[in-house]
């Protein structure tokens, strides 16, 4: 009987210490990767753009999270061939079906926001660190090509993107929001 009580007390002690909150296996001190944002410019149920995050290790073995924007389906977004940063537009800019060089529509993935593990805030990857950012886009709906834009706010504390507004037209679309 004494042996059973001793074993029971050892078992309960082990259970107590294994369930204590001194170590949380989900809290490893690393930031959670933000959720992806899918954008449907014209609300037709077909996604046109997506912002998604990837975590990598740098050559110094530091963790870096990077948010990328990429077109989905038959869409492309406006870029500038002369810069590596994302091309973000300004209010009152126009998105046209035939942009003038060095602006071109592209289906290449672009880096839009990042954070190294030692950084406190996220950094928006644009020439002027614009936030909110307007992104120009061209997409196919049915048999017709449209141009438009998406206004995205990046939370520099947690990296989460939020779609604020969109607009589109057949040939030229003024950013008016």
C-alpha atoms as a PDB file:
ATOM      1  CA  UNK A   1       0.000   0.000   0.000  1.00  0.00           C
ATOM      2  CA  UNK A   2       2.868   2.385   0.869  1.00  0.00           C
ATOM      3  CA  UNK A   3       4.436   1.637  -2.517  1.00  0.00           C
ATOM      4  CA  UNK A   4       1.222   2.573  -4.350  1.00  0.00           C
ATOM      5  CA  UNK A   5       0.944   5.850  -2.433  1.00  0.00           C
ATOM      6  CA  UNK A   6       4.605   6.640  -3.128  1.00  0.00           C
ATOM      7  CA  UNK A   7       4.198   5.886  -6.859  1.00  0.00           C
ATOM      8  CA  UNK A   8       1.000   7.934  -6.974  1.00  0.00           C
ATOM      9  CA  UNK A   9       2.679  10.915  -5.322  1.00  0.00           C
ATOM     10  CA  UNK A  10       5.651  10.689  -7.726  1.00  0.00           C
ATOM     11  CA  UNK A  11       3.282  10.511 -10.692  1.00  0.00           C
ATOM     12  CA  UNK A  12       1.254  13.489  -9.470  1.00  0.00           C
ATOM     13  CA  UNK A  13       4.438  15.501  -8.866  1.00  0.00           C
ATOM     14  CA  UNK A  14       5.665  14.771 -12.374  1.00  0.00           C
ATOM     15  CA  UNK A  15       2.289  15.729 -13.805  1.00  0.00           C
ATOM     16  CA  UNK A  16       2.223  18.956 -11.779  1.00  0.00           C
ATOM     17  CA  UNK A  17       5.662  20.066 -12.957  1.00  0.00           C
ATOM     18  CA  UNK A  18       5.052  19.104 -16.578  1.00  0.00           C
ATOM     19  CA  UNK A  19       1.843  21.172 -16.632  1.00  0.00           C
ATOM     20  CA  UNK A  20       3.296  24.271 -14.966  1.00  0.00           C
ATOM     21  CA  UNK A  21       3.386  27.415 -17.055  1.00  0.00           C
ATOM     22  CA  UNK A  22       7.094  28.061 -16.602  1.00  0.00           C
ATOM     23  CA  UNK A  23       7.736  26.764 -20.102  1.00  0.00           C
ATOM     24  CA  UNK A  24       5.339  27.374 -22.938  1.00  0.00           C
ATOM     25  CA  UNK A  25       6.375  25.321 -25.992  1.00  0.00           C
ATOM     26  CA  UNK A  26       4.405  27.699 -28.247  1.00  0.00           C
ATOM     27  CA  UNK A  27       6.229  30.772 -26.911  1.00  0.00           C
ATOM     28  CA  UNK A  28       9.697  30.457 -28.396  1.00  0.00           C
ATOM     29  CA  UNK A  29      10.294  34.220 -28.414  1.00  0.00           C
ATOM     30  CA  UNK A  30       9.836  34.423 -32.174  1.00  0.00           C
ATOM     31  CA  UNK A  31       7.231  36.534 -33.858  1.00  0.00           C
ATOM     32  CA  UNK A  32       4.379  34.806 -35.612  1.00  0.00           C
ATOM     33  CA  UNK A  33       4.289  35.110 -39.372  1.00  0.00           C
ATOM     34  CA  UNK A  34       1.502  37.508 -40.455  1.00  0.00           C
ATOM     35  CA  UNK A  35      -1.502  36.170 -42.307  1.00  0.00           C
ATOM     36  CA  UNK A  36      -1.627  36.327 -46.087  1.00  0.00           C
ATOM     37  CA  UNK A  37      -3.874  38.895 -47.777  1.00  0.00           C
ATOM     38  CA  UNK A  38      -5.715  37.962 -50.975  1.00  0.00           C
ATOM     39  CA  UNK A  39      -7.059  40.850 -53.078  1.00  0.00           C
ATOM     40  CA  UNK A  40      -9.974  40.735 -55.519  1.00  0.00           C
ATOM     41  CA  UNK A  41      -9.916  44.166 -57.197  1.00  0.00           C
ATOM     42  CA  UNK A  42     -13.381  44.016 -58.817  1.00  0.00           C
ATOM     43  CA  UNK A  43     -15.205  41.683 -56.376  1.00  0.00           C
ATOM     44  CA  UNK A  44     -15.866  39.068 -59.070  1.00  0.00           C
ATOM     45  CA  UNK A  45     -14.819  36.202 -56.812  1.00  0.00           C
ATOM     46  CA  UNK A  46     -11.485  35.738 -58.629  1.00  0.00           C
ATOM     47  CA  UNK A  47      -8.367  36.720 -56.676  1.00  0.00           C
ATOM     48  CA  UNK A  48      -6.054  39.141 -58.484  1.00  0.00           C
ATOM     49  CA  UNK A  49      -3.139  39.698 -56.074  1.00  0.00           C
ATOM     50  CA  UNK A  50      -1.787  38.126 -52.928  1.00  0.00           C
ATOM     51  CA  UNK A  51       0.574  39.268 -50.198  1.00  0.00           C
ATOM     52  CA  UNK A  52       2.202  36.327 -48.464  1.00  0.00           C
ATOM     53  CA  UNK A  53       5.031  35.970 -45.959  1.00  0.00           C
ATOM     54  CA  UNK A  54       8.083  33.734 -45.816  1.00  0.00           C
ATOM     55  CA  UNK A  55      10.593  33.285 -43.003  1.00  0.00           C
ATOM     56  CA  UNK A  56      14.228  32.721 -43.943  1.00  0.00           C
ATOM     57  CA  UNK A  57      17.609  32.648 -42.241  1.00  0.00           C
ATOM     58  CA  UNK A  58      20.191  35.222 -43.321  1.00  0.00           C
ATOM     59  CA  UNK A  59      23.871  34.381 -43.774  1.00  0.00           C
ATOM     60  CA  UNK A  60      24.435  35.497 -40.147  1.00  0.00           C
ATOM     61  CA  UNK A  61      21.744  32.943 -39.179  1.00  0.00           C
ATOM     62  CA  UNK A  62      19.365  35.713 -38.203  1.00  0.00           C
ATOM     63  CA  UNK A  63      15.731  35.113 -38.907  1.00  0.00           C
ATOM     64  CA  UNK A  64      14.097  37.462 -41.424  1.00  0.00           C
ATOM     65  CA  UNK A  65      10.436  37.573 -42.393  1.00  0.00           C
ATOM     66  CA  UNK A  66       9.630  38.961 -45.821  1.00  0.00           C
ATOM     67  CA  UNK A  67       6.250  39.811 -47.288  1.00  0.00           C
ATOM     68  CA  UNK A  68       5.924  39.383 -51.045  1.00  0.00           C
ATOM     69  CA  UNK A  69       3.223  40.526 -53.448  1.00  0.00           C
ATOM     70  CA  UNK A  70       2.485  38.414 -56.452  1.00  0.00           C
ATOM     71  CA  UNK A  71      -0.178  38.349 -59.143  1.00  0.00           C
ATOM     72  CA  UNK A  72      -2.692  35.538 -59.338  1.00  0.00           C
ATOM     73  CA  UNK A  73      -4.338  34.146 -62.475  1.00  0.00           C
ATOM     74  CA  UNK A  74      -4.170  36.543 -65.422  1.00  0.00           C
ATOM     75  CA  UNK A  75      -3.156  39.635 -63.467  1.00  0.00           C
ATOM     76  CA  UNK A  76       0.006  41.743 -63.365  1.00  0.00           C
ATOM     77  CA  UNK A  77       1.038  44.677 -61.240  1.00  0.00           C
ATOM     78  CA  UNK A  78       2.784  47.911 -62.105  1.00  0.00           C
ATOM     79  CA  UNK A  79       6.551  48.038 -61.514  1.00  0.00           C
ATOM     80  CA  UNK A  80       9.431  50.321 -62.385  1.00  0.00           C
ATOM     81  CA  UNK A  81      12.213  48.541 -64.278  1.00  0.00           C
ATOM     82  CA  UNK A  82      14.832  50.886 -62.787  1.00  0.00           C
ATOM     83  CA  UNK A  83      14.244  50.207 -59.077  1.00  0.00           C
ATOM     84  CA  UNK A  84      14.305  47.079 -56.966  1.00  0.00           C
ATOM     85  CA  UNK A  85      11.822  48.445 -54.431  1.00  0.00           C
ATOM     86  CA  UNK A  86       8.128  47.971 -54.953  1.00  0.00           C
ATOM     87  CA  UNK A  87       6.475  50.651 -57.030  1.00  0.00           C
ATOM     88  CA  UNK A  88       3.831  52.291 -54.911  1.00  0.00           C
ATOM     89  CA  UNK A  89       1.727  55.001 -56.473  1.00  0.00           C
ATOM     90  CA  UNK A  90       0.318  58.219 -55.036  1.00  0.00           C
ATOM     91  CA  UNK A  91      -3.233  59.478 -54.662  1.00  0.00           C
ATOM     92  CA  UNK A  92      -4.232  61.240 -57.904  1.00  0.00           C
ATOM     93  CA  UNK A  93      -1.849  59.075 -59.989  1.00  0.00           C
ATOM     94  CA  UNK A  94      -3.432  57.245 -62.916  1.00  0.00           C
ATOM     95  CA  UNK A  95      -3.024  53.607 -63.837  1.00  0.00           C
ATOM     96  CA  UNK A  96      -3.202  53.210 -67.607  1.00  0.00           C
ATOM     97  CA  UNK A  97      -3.433  50.137 -69.814  1.00  0.00           C
ATOM     98  CA  UNK A  98      -0.228  51.179 -71.630  1.00  0.00           C
ATOM     99  CA  UNK A  99       2.184  52.716 -69.097  1.00  0.00           C
ATOM    100  CA  UNK A 100       5.236  54.650 -70.258  1.00  0.00           C
ATOM    101  CA  UNK A 101       8.737  53.295 -69.594  1.00  0.00           C
ATOM    102  CA  UNK A 102      10.293  52.612 -67.161  1.00  0.00           C
ATOM    103  CA  UNK A 103       6.893  51.618 -65.745  1.00  0.00           C
ATOM    104  CA  UNK A 104       5.670  48.238 -66.953  1.00  0.00           C
ATOM    105  CA  UNK A 105       3.152  45.630 -65.892  1.00  0.00           C
ATOM    106  CA  UNK A 106       4.889  42.536 -64.575  1.00  0.00           C
ATOM    107  CA  UNK A 107       3.983  39.132 -63.231  1.00  0.00           C
ATOM    108  CA  UNK A 108       7.175  38.908 -61.136  1.00  0.00           C
ATOM    109  CA  UNK A 109       6.987  38.508 -57.364  1.00  0.00           C
ATOM    110  CA  UNK A 110       8.115  41.638 -55.453  1.00  0.00           C
ATOM    111  CA  UNK A 111       9.277  42.149 -51.871  1.00  0.00           C
ATOM    112  CA  UNK A 112       6.937  44.643 -50.115  1.00  0.00           C
ATOM    113  CA  UNK A 113       7.699  44.464 -46.362  1.00  0.00           C
ATOM    114  CA  UNK A 114      10.287  42.820 -44.107  1.00  0.00           C
ATOM    115  CA  UNK A 115      11.501  42.449 -40.535  1.00  0.00           C
ATOM    116  CA  UNK A 116      14.717  40.974 -39.158  1.00  0.00           C
ATOM    117  CA  UNK A 117      14.469  39.193 -35.810  1.00  0.00           C
ATOM    118  CA  UNK A 118      16.360  41.956 -33.967  1.00  0.00           C
ATOM    119  CA  UNK A 119      14.230  44.754 -35.447  1.00  0.00           C
ATOM    120  CA  UNK A 120      11.332  46.165 -33.482  1.00  0.00           C
ATOM    121  CA  UNK A 121       9.298  47.405 -36.458  1.00  0.00           C
ATOM    122  CA  UNK A 122       8.617  46.139 -39.965  1.00  0.00           C
ATOM    123  CA  UNK A 123      10.090  48.053 -42.925  1.00  0.00           C
ATOM    124  CA  UNK A 124       7.969  48.773 -46.000  1.00  0.00           C
ATOM    125  CA  UNK A 125      10.047  48.130 -49.138  1.00  0.00           C
ATOM    126  CA  UNK A 126       9.348  51.159 -51.288  1.00  0.00           C
ATOM    127  CA  UNK A 127      11.366  54.176 -52.338  1.00  0.00           C
ATOM    128  CA  UNK A 128       9.778  56.512 -49.788  1.00  0.00           C
ATOM    129  CA  UNK A 129       8.561  53.821 -47.325  1.00  0.00           C
ATOM    130  CA  UNK A 130       5.024  54.752 -48.350  1.00  0.00           C
ATOM    131  CA  UNK A 131       2.323  53.462 -46.048  1.00  0.00           C
ATOM    132  CA  UNK A 132      -0.500  53.150 -46.968  1.00  0.00           C
ATOM    133  CA  UNK A 133       0.623  51.996 -50.378  1.00  0.00           C
ATOM    134  CA  UNK A 134      -1.214  52.138 -53.701  1.00  0.00           C
ATOM    135  CA  UNK A 135      -0.421  49.239 -56.020  1.00  0.00           C
ATOM    136  CA  UNK A 136      -1.292  49.451 -59.718  1.00  0.00           C
ATOM    137  CA  UNK A 137      -2.714  46.329 -61.314  1.00  0.00           C
ATOM    138  CA  UNK A 138      -3.926  44.973 -64.670  1.00  0.00           C
ATOM    139  CA  UNK A 139      -6.288  41.994 -64.676  1.00  0.00           C
ATOM    140  CA  UNK A 140      -8.489  40.001 -67.013  1.00  0.00           C
ATOM    141  CA  UNK A 141     -12.192  39.739 -66.254  1.00  0.00           C
ATOM    142  CA  UNK A 142     -14.088  37.624 -68.763  1.00  0.00           C
ATOM    143  CA  UNK A 143     -12.634  38.684 -72.122  1.00  0.00           C
ATOM    144  CA  UNK A 144     -11.816  42.260 -71.061  1.00  0.00           C
ATOM    145  CA  UNK A 145      -8.609  43.662 -69.566  1.00  0.00           C
ATOM    146  CA  UNK A 146      -9.017  46.208 -66.785  1.00  0.00           C
ATOM    147  CA  UNK A 147      -6.560  48.416 -64.915  1.00  0.00           C
ATOM    148  CA  UNK A 148      -6.926  49.450 -61.316  1.00  0.00           C
ATOM    149  CA  UNK A 149      -5.322  49.859 -57.940  1.00  0.00           C
ATOM    150  CA  UNK A 150      -5.384  48.536 -54.400  1.00  0.00           C
ATOM    151  CA  UNK A 151      -4.742  50.698 -51.335  1.00  0.00           C
ATOM    152  CA  UNK A 152      -2.968  48.644 -48.655  1.00  0.00           C
ATOM    153  CA  UNK A 153      -2.019  49.657 -45.124  1.00  0.00           C
ATOM    154  CA  UNK A 154       0.886  47.742 -43.589  1.00  0.00           C
ATOM    155  CA  UNK A 155       0.935  47.549 -39.794  1.00  0.00           C
ATOM    156  CA  UNK A 156       4.616  48.159 -39.012  1.00  0.00           C
ATOM    157  CA  UNK A 157       4.249  46.615 -35.540  1.00  0.00           C
ATOM    158  CA  UNK A 158       2.957  43.164 -36.539  1.00  0.00           C
ATOM    159  CA  UNK A 159       3.406  43.242 -40.341  1.00  0.00           C
ATOM    160  CA  UNK A 160      -0.267  42.564 -41.062  1.00  0.00           C
ATOM    161  CA  UNK A 161      -1.509  44.055 -44.352  1.00  0.00           C
ATOM    162  CA  UNK A 162      -5.032  45.467 -44.600  1.00  0.00           C
ATOM    163  CA  UNK A 163      -6.881  46.219 -47.824  1.00  0.00           C
ATOM    164  CA  UNK A 164      -8.404  49.709 -47.481  1.00  0.00           C
ATOM    165  CA  UNK A 165      -9.866  50.366 -50.935  1.00  0.00           C
ATOM    166  CA  UNK A 166      -9.754  49.384 -54.605  1.00  0.00           C
ATOM    167  CA  UNK A 167     -10.695  50.952 -57.907  1.00  0.00           C
ATOM    168  CA  UNK A 168     -10.674  49.831 -61.515  1.00  0.00           C
ATOM    169  CA  UNK A 169     -11.657  50.900 -65.043  1.00  0.00           C
ATOM    170  CA  UNK A 170     -11.247  49.623 -68.576  1.00  0.00           C
ATOM    171  CA  UNK A 171      -8.414  51.862 -69.889  1.00  0.00           C
ATOM    172  CA  UNK A 172      -7.388  54.489 -67.333  1.00  0.00           C
ATOM    173  CA  UNK A 173      -8.094  54.499 -63.629  1.00  0.00           C
ATOM    174  CA  UNK A 174      -7.489  57.499 -61.371  1.00  0.00           C
ATOM    175  CA  UNK A 175      -6.461  56.755 -57.782  1.00  0.00           C
ATOM    176  CA  UNK A 176      -9.075  58.835 -56.008  1.00  0.00           C
ATOM    177  CA  UNK A 177      -9.408  57.231 -52.574  1.00  0.00           C
END
